[in-house]
Amino acid sequence: MMSTSIWLSFVVASLFIIAAPGPSVTFLVTTSIIKGSKTAFSAIPGLLLGVFCSMMMSFLGVSAIFATSTMAYNALKTIGICYLLYLAFKTWTTNKPTIKKNKNNDKISIKTTFFISFLNPKSIIFYATFMPQFIDINGSYIRQAILLCITYLSLSLVTNFLYSFFGGKAGTLLNNKSSVNWIRKVGSVTMALSALMVFLKS
């Protein structure tokens, strides 16, 4: 079984990766500021499901296909970029300029946020190369892989919750039309820049 020191090393490394700003974090923070924490909370299951599916695909060897097939990699990459641009456009043109408490009852469908975290071929390749570094070849691969997956998903859950919670608090402090419009546009531009970064990366 995996040693405690290796597991703790994985936890620290994962926290740095998960907490780093990206499309998922941008979406959560923007949503929580504009619509409230509860609405952002409803987006978390979809994000985690996307991460989980990416992990499963990496463990099943799909990462090897993306690593060797330029066409498959670029196809999924293009879909992911287009989806981010769509969300950026939707955020920019939304007709919800003010924060209202009843918006905390809004729900975001799982499929909306699922594709944010799933439509990134680099994620699948990343999980396939990152996680195996913490697996002891002398132990059970399946048990260790399950432990790492559960750990990573748990850390993602806590981090996403905190981003959503504090984003909602910030939204309460900035409860006026001009502030919300500014935040909405910044979030939209950030998502568009995330799409550009994905495009520029090899």
Foldseek 3Di string as FASTA:
>chain_A
DFDPVLVVVLLVVLLVVLLDDALLLLVLLLCCLQQNLLQSLLQLVLLLLLLLVLLVCLVVPVLVVLVPPVVVVVVLLVVLLVLLLVVLVCLLPDPRQFYDPVSSPDYDDSNSNNSNNNSHSVSSNCSNPPQVVSDDPVDDPVVSSVVSSVSSSVSNSVSSSVSSNVSNVVSVVVGDRVSSSVSSNVSSVRSNVSSVVSVPDD
